[in-house]
Amino acid sequence: MGYLYRLFGKMTEKEMGKTTNVKTAIVYYSSGGTNYQLAQWAAEAAKEAGSEVRLVKVAETAPQAVIDATPNWKANVEATKDVPVATGDDLEWADAIIFSVPTRFGNVASQFQAFVDTLGGYWYQGKLANKAVSAMTSAGNPHGGQEATILSLYTTMYHWGAVVAAPGFTDPATFAAGGNPYGTSVTVGQDGKIIEDEVAIKAAVHHQAKRTVKVAEAMTHFNA
């Protein structure tokens, strides 16, 4: 079956199965733990697809006093202290990159933007071009800027010359998880928990991650 159909047509579970020689970086920022969970699900799916995976977090820039004053934030920082901090080398290494970052007023969190702002040298040298990229996000209500945040992030990816691998409506899992064609997005309640059905969200993340790996696999032929 041709690559264009595999990329943009509906793929069977068999076709979404294991691939080879694709390296995937899962890059996330999370204060309360939601995007860490999404990133873990994405890493799990990418590994199932046969990809080598690096799960890395964006460095925290908020003052420690602010973190200490917010129990969920403090607990998440402690729980993820052993997760490596992302660098530009992780993105250069990867064929596929999946981002997970919360929305802040319809844009990415400042911590994530600070990380992006360190990547100018990699962009200038063309080290971020021809990567398959995809993104996920969260917000405190169903219309809190999820789509705007992902689209804003993709604008940066276009500057890199990366290839956006949005999930689109290529699998029923996207509909079941809320129908965001740009990337899986969730709503987080006051208790810090995902409001939507986590089984449905996990399935959507798995589809998105495996699709991104498949796009990256096709790009390896383009880059050869």
N, C-alpha and C. Protein backbone atom coordinates (compact mmCIF):
# COMPACT_ATOMS: atom_id res chain seq x y z
N MET A 1 0.84 -1.19 0.00
CA MET A 1 0.00 0.00 0.00
C MET A 1 0.88 1.24 0.00
N GLY A 2 0.52 2.27 -0.81
CA GLY A 2 1.36 3.44 -0.96
C GLY A 2 1.48 4.28 0.30
N TYR A 3 2.56 5.06 0.37
CA TYR A 3 2.79 5.87 1.56
C TYR A 3 1.72 6.94 1.74
N LEU A 4 1.23 7.54 0.64
CA LEU A 4 0.23 8.59 0.80
C LEU A 4 -1.03 8.04 1.44
N TYR A 5 -1.45 6.85 1.04
CA TYR A 5 -2.63 6.27 1.67
C TYR A 5 -2.37 5.95 3.12
N ARG A 6 -1.17 5.44 3.40
CA ARG A 6 -0.84 5.09 4.78
C ARG A 6 -0.79 6.32 5.66
N LEU A 7 -0.39 7.48 5.09
CA LEU A 7 -0.31 8.69 5.88
C LEU A 7 -1.67 9.34 6.08
N PHE A 8 -2.48 9.39 5.02
CA PHE A 8 -3.68 10.19 5.06
C PHE A 8 -4.98 9.39 4.98
N GLY A 9 -4.87 8.12 4.64
CA GLY A 9 -6.05 7.27 4.65
C GLY A 9 -6.22 6.61 5.99
N LYS A 10 -7.36 5.96 6.20
CA LYS A 10 -7.59 5.25 7.46
C LYS A 10 -6.76 3.98 7.47
N MET A 11 -5.96 3.80 8.51
CA MET A 11 -5.07 2.66 8.60
C MET A 11 -5.65 1.60 9.51
N THR A 12 -5.45 0.36 9.13
CA THR A 12 -5.89 -0.74 9.98
C THR A 12 -4.94 -0.90 11.15
N GLU A 13 -5.36 -1.66 12.13
CA GLU A 13 -4.51 -1.90 13.30
C GLU A 13 -3.21 -2.56 12.87
N LYS A 14 -3.29 -3.46 11.88
CA LYS A 14 -2.08 -4.13 11.39
C LYS A 14 -1.15 -3.12 10.75
N GLU A 15 -1.71 -2.21 9.94
CA GLU A 15 -0.89 -1.20 9.26
C GLU A 15 -0.28 -0.21 10.25
N MET A 16 -0.92 -0.06 11.42
CA MET A 16 -0.41 0.85 12.43
C MET A 16 0.55 0.13 13.38
N GLY A 17 0.93 -1.07 13.02
CA GLY A 17 1.77 -1.90 13.87
C GLY A 17 3.21 -1.47 13.87
N LYS A 18 4.09 -2.41 14.17
CA LYS A 18 5.49 -2.05 14.43
C LYS A 18 6.21 -1.57 13.18
N THR A 19 7.06 -0.59 13.40
CA THR A 19 7.92 -0.07 12.36
C THR A 19 9.37 -0.26 12.84
N THR A 20 10.32 0.27 12.09
CA THR A 20 11.71 0.13 12.50
C THR A 20 12.46 1.42 12.23
N ASN A 21 13.58 1.60 12.94
CA ASN A 21 14.54 2.67 12.68
C ASN A 21 13.96 4.08 12.83
N VAL A 22 12.92 4.24 13.61
CA VAL A 22 12.36 5.56 13.88
C VAL A 22 12.64 5.91 15.34
N LYS A 23 13.18 7.11 15.55
CA LYS A 23 13.47 7.59 16.89
C LYS A 23 12.45 8.67 17.24
N THR A 24 11.82 8.53 18.38
CA THR A 24 10.76 9.45 18.78
C THR A 24 11.10 10.15 20.08
N ALA A 25 11.02 11.47 20.08
CA ALA A 25 11.18 12.27 21.29
C ALA A 25 9.80 12.72 21.75
N ILE A 26 9.45 12.42 22.98
CA ILE A 26 8.21 12.90 23.60
C ILE A 26 8.62 14.03 24.53
N VAL A 27 8.23 15.25 24.19
CA VAL A 27 8.65 16.43 24.93
C VAL A 27 7.42 17.06 25.58
N TYR A 28 7.43 17.19 26.89
CA TYR A 28 6.25 17.72 27.56
C TYR A 28 6.61 18.76 28.60
N TYR A 29 5.63 19.60 28.91
CA TYR A 29 5.69 20.44 30.11
C TYR A 29 4.41 20.19 30.89
N SER A 30 4.53 20.05 32.18
CA SER A 30 3.35 19.76 33.01
C SER A 30 3.57 20.34 34.40
N SER A 31 2.57 21.07 34.88
CA SER A 31 2.64 21.56 36.26
C SER A 31 1.85 20.65 37.19
N GLY A 32 0.68 20.22 36.75
CA GLY A 32 -0.15 19.38 37.60
C GLY A 32 -0.09 17.90 37.32
N GLY A 33 0.55 17.51 36.23
CA GLY A 33 0.72 16.10 35.92
C GLY A 33 -0.08 15.60 34.73
N THR A 34 -1.02 16.39 34.22
CA THR A 34 -1.87 15.93 33.12
C THR A 34 -1.07 15.68 31.85
N ASN A 35 -0.25 16.64 31.46
CA ASN A 35 0.51 16.47 30.23
C ASN A 35 1.63 15.45 30.39
N TYR A 36 2.06 15.22 31.61
CA TYR A 36 2.99 14.11 31.86
C TYR A 36 2.29 12.78 31.57
N GLN A 37 1.03 12.67 31.98
CA GLN A 37 0.27 11.45 31.71
C GLN A 37 0.07 11.26 30.21
N LEU A 38 -0.30 12.33 29.50
CA LEU A 38 -0.46 12.23 28.05
C LEU A 38 0.85 11.81 27.39
N ALA A 39 1.95 12.38 27.87
CA ALA A 39 3.26 12.05 27.31
C ALA A 39 3.62 10.59 27.56
N GLN A 40 3.28 10.08 28.73
CA GLN A 40 3.55 8.67 29.05
C GLN A 40 2.77 7.76 28.12
N TRP A 41 1.51 8.09 27.87
CA TRP A 41 0.70 7.28 26.95
C TRP A 41 1.28 7.32 25.54
N ALA A 42 1.74 8.50 25.13
CA ALA A 42 2.34 8.62 23.79
C ALA A 42 3.62 7.80 23.70
N ALA A 43 4.43 7.83 24.74
CA ALA A 43 5.67 7.05 24.75
C ALA A 43 5.37 5.56 24.68
N GLU A 44 4.36 5.15 25.41
CA GLU A 44 3.94 3.74 25.40
C GLU A 44 3.55 3.30 23.99
N ALA A 45 2.77 4.13 23.31
CA ALA A 45 2.30 3.79 21.97
C ALA A 45 3.44 3.78 20.97
N ALA A 46 4.34 4.75 21.08
CA ALA A 46 5.47 4.81 20.15
C ALA A 46 6.35 3.57 20.29
N LYS A 47 6.53 3.13 21.52
CA LYS A 47 7.31 1.90 21.74
C LYS A 47 6.59 0.70 21.15
N GLU A 48 5.26 0.66 21.29
CA GLU A 48 4.48 -0.43 20.70
C GLU A 48 4.65 -0.45 19.18
N ALA A 49 4.84 0.73 18.60
CA ALA A 49 5.02 0.82 17.15
C ALA A 49 6.45 0.47 16.73
N GLY A 50 7.30 0.15 17.69
CA GLY A 50 8.65 -0.27 17.38
C GLY A 50 9.68 0.84 17.39
N SER A 51 9.28 2.03 17.85
CA SER A 51 10.19 3.16 17.84
C SER A 51 11.04 3.22 19.11
N GLU A 52 12.26 3.70 18.96
CA GLU A 52 13.08 4.03 20.11
C GLU A 52 12.57 5.36 20.66
N VAL A 53 12.43 5.48 21.97
CA VAL A 53 11.74 6.63 22.55
C VAL A 53 12.59 7.31 23.62
N ARG A 54 12.56 8.64 23.60
CA ARG A 54 13.07 9.45 24.69
C ARG A 54 11.91 10.28 25.24
N LEU A 55 11.63 10.13 26.52
CA LEU A 55 10.61 10.93 27.20
C LEU A 55 11.34 11.99 28.02
N VAL A 56 11.15 13.25 27.67
CA VAL A 56 11.88 14.34 28.32
C VAL A 56 10.92 15.47 28.67
N LYS A 57 11.26 16.21 29.72
CA LYS A 57 10.42 17.31 30.17
C LYS A 57 11.09 18.66 29.92
N VAL A 58 10.27 19.66 29.71
CA VAL A 58 10.77 21.02 29.59
C VAL A 58 11.11 21.54 30.98
N ALA A 59 12.22 22.24 31.11
CA ALA A 59 12.67 22.73 32.41
C ALA A 59 11.66 23.68 33.03
N GLU A 60 11.49 23.58 34.32
CA GLU A 60 10.60 24.47 35.07
C GLU A 60 11.29 25.82 35.28
N THR A 61 10.55 26.90 35.05
CA THR A 61 11.10 28.24 35.23
C THR A 61 10.37 29.04 36.30
N ALA A 62 9.29 28.49 36.83
CA ALA A 62 8.52 29.21 37.85
C ALA A 62 9.31 29.28 39.16
N PRO A 63 9.11 30.34 39.94
CA PRO A 63 9.80 30.44 41.23
C PRO A 63 9.42 29.29 42.16
N GLN A 64 10.37 28.79 42.90
CA GLN A 64 10.12 27.67 43.80
C GLN A 64 9.03 27.99 44.82
N ALA A 65 8.98 29.25 45.25
CA ALA A 65 7.96 29.66 46.23
C ALA A 65 6.55 29.48 45.67
N VAL A 66 6.38 29.74 44.39
CA VAL A 66 5.07 29.58 43.76
C VAL A 66 4.72 28.10 43.67
N ILE A 67 5.70 27.29 43.31
CA ILE A 67 5.49 25.84 43.22
C ILE A 67 5.14 25.27 44.59
N ASP A 68 5.87 25.67 45.60
CA ASP A 68 5.65 25.16 46.96
C ASP A 68 4.27 25.52 47.49
N ALA A 69 3.71 26.62 46.99
CA ALA A 69 2.41 27.08 47.47
C ALA A 69 1.25 26.38 46.78
N THR A 70 1.56 25.52 45.79
CA THR A 70 0.52 24.81 45.04
C THR A 70 0.76 23.31 45.18
N PRO A 71 -0.02 22.64 46.03
CA PRO A 71 0.24 21.22 46.34
C PRO A 71 0.38 20.31 45.13
N ASN A 72 -0.55 20.40 44.15
CA ASN A 72 -0.47 19.53 42.98
C ASN A 72 0.79 19.77 42.17
N TRP A 73 1.15 21.02 42.05
CA TRP A 73 2.34 21.40 41.30
C TRP A 73 3.59 20.86 41.98
N LYS A 74 3.67 21.09 43.28
CA LYS A 74 4.82 20.61 44.05
C LYS A 74 4.94 19.10 43.98
N ALA A 75 3.80 18.40 44.10
CA ALA A 75 3.81 16.93 44.06
C ALA A 75 4.27 16.42 42.70
N ASN A 76 3.84 17.10 41.62
CA ASN A 76 4.24 16.66 40.29
C ASN A 76 5.73 16.90 40.05
N VAL A 77 6.25 18.00 40.52
CA VAL A 77 7.69 18.27 40.38
C VAL A 77 8.49 17.18 41.07
N GLU A 78 8.04 16.78 42.25
CA GLU A 78 8.73 15.73 42.99
C GLU A 78 8.62 14.38 42.28
N ALA A 79 7.41 14.09 41.76
CA ALA A 79 7.18 12.80 41.12
C ALA A 79 7.96 12.64 39.82
N THR A 80 8.30 13.75 39.18
CA THR A 80 8.99 13.68 37.87
C THR A 80 10.43 14.15 37.95
N LYS A 81 10.99 14.18 39.13
CA LYS A 81 12.35 14.71 39.30
C LYS A 81 13.39 13.92 38.54
N ASP A 82 13.11 12.66 38.25
CA ASP A 82 14.08 11.82 37.55
C ASP A 82 13.90 11.82 36.03
N VAL A 83 12.87 12.51 35.54
CA VAL A 83 12.68 12.60 34.08
C VAL A 83 13.72 13.56 33.52
N PRO A 84 14.48 13.17 32.51
CA PRO A 84 15.50 14.06 31.95
C PRO A 84 14.91 15.36 31.41
N VAL A 85 15.68 16.43 31.51
CA VAL A 85 15.26 17.73 30.98
C VAL A 85 15.58 17.79 29.48
N ALA A 86 14.63 18.27 28.71
CA ALA A 86 14.78 18.32 27.25
C ALA A 86 15.84 19.31 26.82
N THR A 87 16.56 18.94 25.77
CA THR A 87 17.53 19.83 25.13
C THR A 87 17.31 19.78 23.62
N GLY A 88 17.94 20.69 22.93
CA GLY A 88 17.86 20.66 21.48
C GLY A 88 18.43 19.40 20.89
N ASP A 89 19.38 18.79 21.58
CA ASP A 89 19.96 17.54 21.09
C ASP A 89 18.92 16.43 20.99
N ASP A 90 17.93 16.44 21.89
CA ASP A 90 16.86 15.43 21.83
C ASP A 90 16.05 15.59 20.55
N LEU A 91 15.79 16.82 20.16
CA LEU A 91 15.02 17.07 18.95
C LEU A 91 15.83 16.76 17.70
N GLU A 92 17.11 17.08 17.73
CA GLU A 92 17.97 16.75 16.60
C GLU A 92 18.05 15.24 16.41
N TRP A 93 18.12 14.51 17.51
CA TRP A 93 18.22 13.05 17.49
C TRP A 93 16.99 12.40 16.87
N ALA A 94 15.83 12.99 17.10
CA ALA A 94 14.55 12.34 16.78
C ALA A 94 14.17 12.46 15.31
N ASP A 95 13.44 11.44 14.86
CA ASP A 95 12.75 11.50 13.56
C ASP A 95 11.32 11.99 13.76
N ALA A 96 10.74 11.62 14.90
CA ALA A 96 9.38 12.02 15.26
C ALA A 96 9.43 12.75 16.59
N ILE A 97 8.63 13.82 16.71
CA ILE A 97 8.57 14.58 17.96
C ILE A 97 7.11 14.78 18.32
N ILE A 98 6.76 14.40 19.53
CA ILE A 98 5.40 14.61 20.03
C ILE A 98 5.48 15.53 21.24
N PHE A 99 4.76 16.64 21.16
CA PHE A 99 4.75 17.61 22.24
C PHE A 99 3.45 17.50 23.04
N SER A 100 3.55 17.72 24.33
CA SER A 100 2.36 17.81 25.17
C SER A 100 2.55 18.97 26.13
N VAL A 101 1.70 19.97 26.02
CA VAL A 101 1.88 21.20 26.79
C VAL A 101 0.52 21.82 27.11
N PRO A 102 0.33 22.33 28.31
CA PRO A 102 -0.96 22.95 28.65
C PRO A 102 -1.14 24.29 27.95
N THR A 103 -2.40 24.66 27.77
CA THR A 103 -2.68 25.96 27.17
C THR A 103 -2.61 27.06 28.23
N ARG A 104 -2.13 28.20 27.80
CA ARG A 104 -2.13 29.39 28.63
C ARG A 104 -2.70 30.53 27.78
N PHE A 105 -3.98 30.84 28.02
CA PHE A 105 -4.65 31.90 27.28
C PHE A 105 -4.59 31.67 25.77
N GLY A 106 -4.80 30.42 25.37
CA GLY A 106 -4.80 30.09 23.95
C GLY A 106 -3.44 29.97 23.33
N ASN A 107 -2.42 29.92 24.16
CA ASN A 107 -1.06 29.76 23.65
C ASN A 107 -0.34 28.76 24.54
N VAL A 108 0.90 28.45 24.20
CA VAL A 108 1.66 27.47 24.99
C VAL A 108 2.10 28.09 26.30
N ALA A 109 2.37 27.25 27.28
CA ALA A 109 2.88 27.71 28.57
C ALA A 109 4.24 28.39 28.38
N SER A 110 4.53 29.38 29.22
CA SER A 110 5.76 30.16 29.07
C SER A 110 7.00 29.28 29.22
N GLN A 111 6.92 28.24 30.04
CA GLN A 111 8.06 27.34 30.20
C GLN A 111 8.42 26.68 28.88
N PHE A 112 7.37 26.26 28.15
CA PHE A 112 7.60 25.62 26.85
C PHE A 112 8.15 26.63 25.85
N GLN A 113 7.61 27.83 25.85
CA GLN A 113 8.09 28.85 24.92
C GLN A 113 9.55 29.18 25.19
N ALA A 114 9.92 29.21 26.47
CA ALA A 114 11.32 29.46 26.82
C ALA A 114 12.23 28.39 26.23
N PHE A 115 11.76 27.15 26.25
CA PHE A 115 12.54 26.06 25.65
C PHE A 115 12.66 26.26 24.14
N VAL A 116 11.55 26.57 23.48
CA VAL A 116 11.57 26.80 22.04
C VAL A 116 12.55 27.91 21.68
N ASP A 117 12.60 28.93 22.53
CA ASP A 117 13.47 30.07 22.25
C ASP A 117 14.95 29.73 22.33
N THR A 118 15.29 28.57 22.85
CA THR A 118 16.69 28.14 22.89
C THR A 118 17.11 27.39 21.64
N LEU A 119 16.17 27.16 20.73
CA LEU A 119 16.43 26.26 19.60
C LEU A 119 16.83 26.98 18.31
N GLY A 120 17.10 28.28 18.41
CA GLY A 120 17.42 29.03 17.20
C GLY A 120 18.60 28.48 16.43
N GLY A 121 19.63 28.05 17.14
CA GLY A 121 20.80 27.50 16.46
C GLY A 121 20.50 26.22 15.71
N TYR A 122 19.68 25.38 16.30
CA TYR A 122 19.29 24.13 15.65
C TYR A 122 18.47 24.43 14.39
N TRP A 123 17.54 25.39 14.51
CA TRP A 123 16.74 25.79 13.34
C TRP A 123 17.64 26.35 12.25
N TYR A 124 18.55 27.22 12.62
CA TYR A 124 19.41 27.89 11.65
C TYR A 124 20.25 26.89 10.87
N GLN A 125 20.67 25.83 11.54
CA GLN A 125 21.48 24.81 10.88
C GLN A 125 20.64 23.74 10.19
N GLY A 126 19.32 23.90 10.19
CA GLY A 126 18.44 22.94 9.52
C GLY A 126 18.27 21.63 10.25
N LYS A 127 18.62 21.61 11.54
CA LYS A 127 18.58 20.35 12.29
C LYS A 127 17.18 19.97 12.76
N LEU A 128 16.21 20.85 12.56
CA LEU A 128 14.83 20.55 12.97
C LEU A 128 13.92 20.33 11.77
N ALA A 129 14.46 20.40 10.59
CA ALA A 129 13.67 20.22 9.37
C ALA A 129 13.36 18.75 9.13
N ASN A 130 12.26 18.52 8.43
CA ASN A 130 11.87 17.18 7.99
C ASN A 130 11.61 16.20 9.13
N LYS A 131 11.25 16.73 10.30
CA LYS A 131 10.82 15.89 11.41
C LYS A 131 9.29 15.76 11.33
N ALA A 132 8.78 14.61 11.72
CA ALA A 132 7.33 14.45 11.85
C ALA A 132 6.95 14.92 13.26
N VAL A 133 6.06 15.90 13.36
CA VAL A 133 5.73 16.47 14.66
C VAL A 133 4.22 16.43 14.89
N SER A 134 3.85 16.31 16.16
CA SER A 134 2.45 16.30 16.54
C SER A 134 2.35 16.85 17.95
N ALA A 135 1.14 17.30 18.35
CA ALA A 135 1.02 17.97 19.65
C ALA A 135 -0.29 17.63 20.34
N MET A 136 -0.23 17.70 21.66
CA MET A 136 -1.40 17.47 22.53
C MET A 136 -1.43 18.59 23.57
N THR A 137 -2.60 18.79 24.19
CA THR A 137 -2.71 19.87 25.16
C THR A 137 -3.84 19.62 26.15
N SER A 138 -3.92 20.51 27.14
CA SER A 138 -4.98 20.45 28.15
C SER A 138 -5.36 21.86 28.55
N ALA A 139 -6.58 21.99 29.11
CA ALA A 139 -7.04 23.28 29.63
C ALA A 139 -8.07 23.02 30.72
N GLY A 140 -8.42 24.08 31.43
CA GLY A 140 -9.33 23.94 32.56
C GLY A 140 -10.80 23.90 32.21
N ASN A 141 -11.15 24.11 30.93
CA ASN A 141 -12.53 23.97 30.49
C ASN A 141 -12.55 23.59 29.02
N PRO A 142 -13.67 23.09 28.51
CA PRO A 142 -13.71 22.54 27.14
C PRO A 142 -13.37 23.54 26.05
N HIS A 143 -13.52 24.84 26.32
CA HIS A 143 -13.22 25.85 25.31
C HIS A 143 -12.15 26.80 25.83
N GLY A 144 -11.15 26.23 26.49
CA GLY A 144 -10.11 27.03 27.10
C GLY A 144 -8.90 27.29 26.23
N GLY A 145 -9.03 27.06 24.93
CA GLY A 145 -7.93 27.38 24.02
C GLY A 145 -7.16 26.20 23.50
N GLN A 146 -7.72 24.99 23.66
CA GLN A 146 -6.97 23.80 23.24
C GLN A 146 -6.55 23.85 21.77
N GLU A 147 -7.52 24.10 20.89
CA GLU A 147 -7.20 24.10 19.46
C GLU A 147 -6.24 25.23 19.12
N ALA A 148 -6.47 26.40 19.71
CA ALA A 148 -5.59 27.55 19.44
C ALA A 148 -4.17 27.27 19.88
N THR A 149 -4.02 26.61 21.01
CA THR A 149 -2.69 26.30 21.52
C THR A 149 -1.93 25.38 20.58
N ILE A 150 -2.59 24.32 20.13
CA ILE A 150 -1.94 23.38 19.23
C ILE A 150 -1.59 24.04 17.91
N LEU A 151 -2.52 24.84 17.37
CA LEU A 151 -2.25 25.52 16.10
C LEU A 151 -1.11 26.53 16.25
N SER A 152 -1.06 27.20 17.40
CA SER A 152 0.04 28.13 17.66
C SER A 152 1.37 27.40 17.68
N LEU A 153 1.40 26.25 18.31
CA LEU A 153 2.62 25.45 18.37
C LEU A 153 3.03 24.99 16.97
N TYR A 154 2.05 24.58 16.17
CA TYR A 154 2.36 24.13 14.82
C TYR A 154 2.94 25.25 13.96
N THR A 155 2.56 26.50 14.24
CA THR A 155 3.14 27.62 13.49
C THR A 155 4.65 27.63 13.61
N THR A 156 5.15 27.36 14.81
CA THR A 156 6.60 27.26 15.01
C THR A 156 7.18 26.11 14.20
N MET A 157 6.46 25.00 14.17
CA MET A 157 6.95 23.83 13.44
C MET A 157 7.07 24.12 11.94
N TYR A 158 6.16 24.94 11.42
CA TYR A 158 6.26 25.31 9.99
C TYR A 158 7.54 26.09 9.74
N HIS A 159 7.93 26.94 10.68
CA HIS A 159 9.17 27.69 10.53
C HIS A 159 10.37 26.74 10.52
N TRP A 160 10.27 25.67 11.26
CA TRP A 160 11.36 24.69 11.29
C TRP A 160 11.48 23.91 9.98
N GLY A 161 10.38 23.84 9.23
CA GLY A 161 10.35 22.95 8.07
C GLY A 161 9.99 21.54 8.44
N ALA A 162 9.35 21.39 9.63
CA ALA A 162 8.89 20.07 10.06
C ALA A 162 7.59 19.72 9.34
N VAL A 163 7.21 18.45 9.43
CA VAL A 163 5.98 17.97 8.80
C VAL A 163 4.97 17.65 9.91
N VAL A 164 3.89 18.40 9.95
CA VAL A 164 2.88 18.22 11.00
C VAL A 164 2.08 16.95 10.74
N ALA A 165 2.04 16.09 11.73
CA ALA A 165 1.31 14.83 11.64
C ALA A 165 0.11 14.87 12.58
N ALA A 166 -0.83 15.74 12.28
CA ALA A 166 -2.04 15.83 13.10
C ALA A 166 -2.85 14.56 12.96
N PRO A 167 -3.60 14.17 13.98
CA PRO A 167 -4.39 12.94 13.87
C PRO A 167 -5.52 13.06 12.86
N GLY A 168 -6.03 14.30 12.65
CA GLY A 168 -7.18 14.45 11.76
C GLY A 168 -8.33 13.56 12.20
N PHE A 169 -9.18 13.23 11.26
CA PHE A 169 -10.27 12.30 11.55
C PHE A 169 -9.98 10.97 10.86
N THR A 170 -8.84 10.39 11.24
CA THR A 170 -8.38 9.17 10.60
C THR A 170 -8.69 7.92 11.40
N ASP A 171 -9.34 8.09 12.55
CA ASP A 171 -9.67 6.94 13.38
C ASP A 171 -10.82 7.32 14.30
N PRO A 172 -11.73 6.39 14.60
CA PRO A 172 -12.84 6.67 15.52
C PRO A 172 -12.38 7.15 16.90
N ALA A 173 -11.16 6.81 17.28
CA ALA A 173 -10.65 7.22 18.59
C ALA A 173 -10.64 8.74 18.73
N THR A 174 -10.40 9.44 17.63
CA THR A 174 -10.39 10.91 17.69
C THR A 174 -11.76 11.44 18.06
N PHE A 175 -12.79 10.89 17.46
CA PHE A 175 -14.15 11.31 17.78
C PHE A 175 -14.50 10.98 19.23
N ALA A 176 -14.16 9.80 19.66
CA ALA A 176 -14.50 9.35 21.01
C ALA A 176 -13.83 10.21 22.08
N ALA A 177 -12.69 10.80 21.73
CA ALA A 177 -11.94 11.61 22.69
C ALA A 177 -12.31 13.09 22.64
N GLY A 178 -13.32 13.44 21.85
CA GLY A 178 -13.76 14.83 21.80
C GLY A 178 -13.69 15.46 20.43
N GLY A 179 -13.04 14.80 19.48
CA GLY A 179 -13.08 15.27 18.10
C GLY A 179 -12.14 16.41 17.75
N ASN A 180 -11.01 16.53 18.41
CA ASN A 180 -10.03 17.56 18.05
C ASN A 180 -9.09 17.00 16.97
N PRO A 181 -9.22 17.47 15.71
CA PRO A 181 -8.41 16.90 14.64
C PRO A 181 -6.96 17.37 14.64
N TYR A 182 -6.66 18.39 15.43
CA TYR A 182 -5.30 18.95 15.45
C TYR A 182 -4.39 18.19 16.41
N GLY A 183 -4.98 17.58 17.42
CA GLY A 183 -4.21 16.84 18.41
C GLY A 183 -5.09 16.53 19.60
N THR A 184 -4.78 15.48 20.30
CA THR A 184 -5.59 15.10 21.46
C THR A 184 -5.56 16.21 22.51
N SER A 185 -6.74 16.56 23.03
CA SER A 185 -6.81 17.58 24.06
C SER A 185 -7.79 17.14 25.14
N VAL A 186 -7.53 17.58 26.36
CA VAL A 186 -8.35 17.17 27.50
C VAL A 186 -8.72 18.37 28.35
N THR A 187 -9.76 18.16 29.16
CA THR A 187 -10.21 19.16 30.12
C THR A 187 -9.84 18.67 31.52
N VAL A 188 -9.28 19.55 32.31
CA VAL A 188 -8.82 19.19 33.65
C VAL A 188 -9.72 19.87 34.69
N GLY A 189 -10.27 19.07 35.60
CA GLY A 189 -11.16 19.59 36.63
C GLY A 189 -10.40 20.26 37.77
N GLN A 190 -11.15 20.84 38.70
CA GLN A 190 -10.54 21.51 39.84
C GLN A 190 -9.72 20.56 40.71
N ASP A 191 -10.05 19.28 40.61
CA ASP A 191 -9.30 18.29 41.39
C ASP A 191 -8.02 17.84 40.70
N GLY A 192 -7.74 18.41 39.52
CA GLY A 192 -6.54 18.06 38.79
C GLY A 192 -6.67 16.81 37.94
N LYS A 193 -7.87 16.25 37.86
CA LYS A 193 -8.10 15.02 37.10
C LYS A 193 -8.70 15.33 35.72
N ILE A 194 -8.40 14.46 34.77
CA ILE A 194 -8.99 14.59 33.43
C ILE A 194 -10.49 14.31 33.52
N ILE A 195 -11.31 15.21 33.00
CA ILE A 195 -12.76 15.08 33.08
C ILE A 195 -13.27 14.00 32.12
N GLU A 196 -12.71 13.96 30.92
CA GLU A 196 -13.18 13.01 29.91
C GLU A 196 -12.82 11.57 30.28
N ASP A 197 -13.42 10.64 29.56
CA ASP A 197 -13.15 9.22 29.74
C ASP A 197 -11.69 8.93 29.43
N GLU A 198 -10.93 8.53 30.43
CA GLU A 198 -9.49 8.33 30.22
C GLU A 198 -9.19 7.18 29.27
N VAL A 199 -10.06 6.20 29.21
CA VAL A 199 -9.86 5.10 28.26
C VAL A 199 -9.92 5.63 26.84
N ALA A 200 -10.89 6.51 26.57
CA ALA A 200 -11.03 7.10 25.24
C ALA A 200 -9.85 8.02 24.92
N ILE A 201 -9.43 8.79 25.90
CA ILE A 201 -8.30 9.69 25.69
C ILE A 201 -7.02 8.90 25.40
N LYS A 202 -6.79 7.86 26.18
CA LYS A 202 -5.60 7.05 25.97
C LYS A 202 -5.59 6.44 24.57
N ALA A 203 -6.75 5.98 24.10
CA ALA A 203 -6.84 5.39 22.77
C ALA A 203 -6.52 6.44 21.70
N ALA A 204 -7.00 7.66 21.90
CA ALA A 204 -6.72 8.73 20.94
C ALA A 204 -5.24 9.09 20.92
N VAL A 205 -4.64 9.15 22.11
CA VAL A 205 -3.20 9.43 22.19
C VAL A 205 -2.41 8.33 21.50
N HIS A 206 -2.80 7.08 21.72
CA HIS A 206 -2.11 5.95 21.09
C HIS A 206 -2.19 6.05 19.57
N HIS A 207 -3.37 6.37 19.06
CA HIS A 207 -3.52 6.50 17.61
C HIS A 207 -2.64 7.64 17.08
N GLN A 208 -2.70 8.77 17.76
CA GLN A 208 -1.92 9.93 17.33
C GLN A 208 -0.43 9.63 17.34
N ALA A 209 0.05 9.00 18.39
CA ALA A 209 1.48 8.69 18.50
C ALA A 209 1.92 7.70 17.42
N LYS A 210 1.14 6.66 17.21
CA LYS A 210 1.51 5.66 16.20
C LYS A 210 1.45 6.25 14.80
N ARG A 211 0.49 7.12 14.58
CA ARG A 211 0.40 7.79 13.27
C ARG A 211 1.62 8.67 13.05
N THR A 212 2.06 9.37 14.09
CA THR A 212 3.24 10.23 13.97
C THR A 212 4.48 9.41 13.66
N VAL A 213 4.61 8.26 14.30
CA VAL A 213 5.74 7.38 14.02
C VAL A 213 5.69 6.90 12.57
N LYS A 214 4.50 6.59 12.08
CA LYS A 214 4.37 6.14 10.70
C LYS A 214 4.75 7.25 9.72
N VAL A 215 4.34 8.48 10.02
CA VAL A 215 4.73 9.60 9.16
C VAL A 215 6.25 9.75 9.17
N ALA A 216 6.84 9.62 10.34
CA ALA A 216 8.30 9.71 10.45
C ALA A 216 8.98 8.60 9.66
N GLU A 217 8.38 7.42 9.70
CA GLU A 217 8.94 6.31 8.92
C GLU A 217 8.94 6.66 7.44
N ALA A 218 7.85 7.24 6.96
CA ALA A 218 7.80 7.64 5.55
C ALA A 218 8.83 8.72 5.25
N MET A 219 9.03 9.64 6.21
CA MET A 219 9.99 10.71 6.02
C MET A 219 11.43 10.21 5.96
N THR A 220 11.70 9.09 6.59
CA THR A 220 13.06 8.55 6.52
C THR A 220 13.42 8.18 5.08
N HIS A 221 12.41 7.76 4.30
CA HIS A 221 12.64 7.48 2.89
C HIS A 221 12.90 8.77 2.13
N PHE A 222 12.15 9.82 2.49
CA PHE A 222 12.32 11.13 1.85
C PHE A 222 13.70 11.71 2.16
N ASN A 223 14.16 11.49 3.39
CA ASN A 223 15.44 12.06 3.83
C ASN A 223 16.65 11.23 3.42
N ALA A 224 16.40 10.03 2.94
CA ALA A 224 17.52 9.14 2.60
C ALA A 224 18.35 9.69 1.44
